[in-house]
Protein backbone atom coordinates (compact mmCIF):
# COMPACT_ATOMS: atom_id res chain seq x y z
CA MET A 1 0.00 0.00 0.00
CA LYS A 2 2.88 2.31 0.84
CA ASP A 3 4.47 1.66 -2.58
CA SER A 4 1.31 2.65 -4.40
CA LYS A 5 1.19 5.97 -2.50
CA VAL A 6 4.81 6.69 -3.45
CA ALA A 7 4.08 5.83 -7.08
CA HIS A 8 0.97 8.02 -7.03
CA VAL A 9 2.95 10.98 -5.62
CA ALA A 10 5.70 10.48 -8.22
CA ILE A 11 3.19 10.42 -11.08
CA LYS A 12 1.50 13.54 -9.72
CA LYS A 13 4.86 15.41 -9.58
CA ILE A 14 5.66 14.40 -13.16
CA LYS A 15 2.30 15.70 -14.37
CA GLU A 16 2.81 19.02 -12.54
CA GLN A 17 6.14 19.77 -14.25
CA ALA A 18 5.91 22.40 -16.96
CA ALA A 19 7.11 21.35 -20.39
CA PHE A 20 7.35 22.84 -23.86
CA THR A 21 4.54 22.06 -26.22
CA LEU A 22 5.11 20.86 -29.75
CA ILE A 23 4.04 24.26 -31.12
CA GLU A 24 6.58 26.08 -28.94
CA MET A 25 9.37 23.75 -30.07
CA MET A 26 8.39 24.25 -33.72
CA ILE A 27 8.48 28.05 -33.29
CA VAL A 28 11.96 27.86 -31.77
CA LEU A 29 13.20 25.67 -34.63
CA PHE A 30 11.62 28.05 -37.14
CA VAL A 31 13.42 31.06 -35.61
CA ILE A 32 16.74 29.19 -35.61
CA SER A 33 16.22 28.23 -39.26
CA ILE A 34 15.54 31.85 -40.24
CA LEU A 35 18.70 33.00 -38.44
CA LEU A 36 20.76 30.36 -40.27
CA LEU A 37 19.27 31.37 -43.61
CA ILE A 38 20.29 34.97 -42.95
CA THR A 39 23.84 34.33 -41.71
CA ILE A 40 25.13 31.53 -43.96
CA PRO A 41 24.88 33.43 -47.29
CA ASN A 42 26.54 36.46 -45.69
CA VAL A 43 29.50 34.39 -44.47
CA THR A 44 29.96 32.62 -47.80
CA SER A 45 29.83 35.88 -49.75
CA GLN A 46 32.71 37.22 -47.67
CA HIS A 47 35.01 34.25 -48.45
CA ALA A 48 37.05 36.09 -51.11
CA SER A 49 37.59 39.06 -48.84
CA ILE A 50 38.63 36.79 -45.97
CA SER A 51 41.13 34.95 -48.21
CA GLU A 52 42.64 38.22 -49.42
CA LYS A 53 43.03 39.56 -45.88
CA GLY A 54 44.62 36.26 -44.82
CA CYS A 55 47.13 36.52 -47.65
CA GLU A 56 47.96 40.13 -46.75
CA GLY A 57 48.55 39.06 -43.15
CA LEU A 58 50.81 36.22 -44.26
CA ILE A 59 52.82 38.57 -46.49
CA ASN A 60 53.26 40.96 -43.55
CA MET A 61 54.45 38.09 -41.34
CA VAL A 62 56.98 36.96 -43.98
CA GLN A 63 58.15 40.55 -44.40
CA GLY A 64 58.81 40.64 -40.66
CA GLU A 65 60.96 37.52 -41.00
CA VAL A 66 62.80 39.15 -43.93
CA GLN A 67 63.61 42.06 -41.61
CA ALA A 68 64.81 39.67 -38.89
CA TYR A 69 67.04 37.90 -41.44
CA TRP A 70 68.40 41.26 -42.57
CA ILE A 71 69.21 42.25 -38.96
CA ASP A 72 70.97 38.93 -38.29
CA HIS A 73 72.92 38.65 -41.58
CA SER A 74 73.26 42.30 -42.72
CA LYS A 75 71.70 41.39 -46.06
CA LYS A 76 68.24 40.58 -47.33
CA PRO A 77 67.39 36.98 -48.23
CA GLU A 78 67.50 36.07 -51.89
CA SER A 79 64.63 33.59 -51.66
CA ILE A 80 62.18 31.95 -49.29
CA THR A 81 64.65 29.06 -49.05
CA ASP A 82 67.04 31.34 -47.15
CA LEU A 83 64.32 31.91 -44.55
CA THR A 84 63.33 28.24 -44.25
CA ASP A 85 66.96 27.05 -44.06
CA GLY A 86 67.72 29.67 -41.43
CA ASP A 87 64.75 28.60 -39.24
CA TYR A 88 62.92 31.88 -39.78
CA LEU A 89 60.03 29.98 -41.39
CA LYS A 90 59.04 26.35 -40.90
CA GLU A 91 57.93 25.95 -44.51
CA ALA A 92 57.38 28.00 -47.65
CA PRO A 93 54.30 30.18 -47.07
CA ILE A 94 51.24 29.68 -49.26
CA CYS A 95 48.21 31.99 -49.27
CA PRO A 96 44.72 30.59 -48.63
CA ASP A 97 44.02 30.89 -52.39
CA GLY A 98 47.05 28.68 -53.16
CA THR A 99 49.39 31.47 -54.33
CA LYS A 100 52.99 31.16 -53.16
CA ILE A 101 54.80 34.00 -51.43
CA ILE A 102 58.24 34.80 -52.81
CA ILE A 103 61.04 37.28 -52.19
CA ASP A 104 61.40 39.81 -55.04
CA GLU A 105 64.62 41.44 -56.31
CA ASP A 106 64.37 44.18 -53.70
CA GLY A 107 64.13 41.66 -50.85
CA ASN A 108 60.43 42.18 -50.17
CA ALA A 109 57.83 39.48 -49.62
CA VAL A 110 55.22 39.46 -52.43
CA LYS A 111 52.69 37.13 -54.02
CA GLU A 112 54.09 35.07 -56.86
CA THR A 113 52.79 36.19 -60.24
CA GLU A 114 52.40 33.82 -63.16
CA SER A 115 54.62 34.80 -66.06
């Protein structure tokens, strides 16, 4: 008899708990879907700009390593190989769009152009 009272109280507590209805859950999912539909095209349209900024940042970083090489050796590096062999760079830098970064005749880091 005592067990049935405990079970009855437990069932009553479960029924008293507030829960979300199916309509409320569908509204929440609808709002989330709308937000995704708004943000995803905006992010994908900015991909080219993001890649370009990433490449500019990489060129600036390599230029900093060119300056460090120049301070250490009193001359500018002739190629990226000088920087990788001297442990200034771990590997030859490549932009997010696949373009290699090279050292030009003046000793500056620039994007490689196809000739």
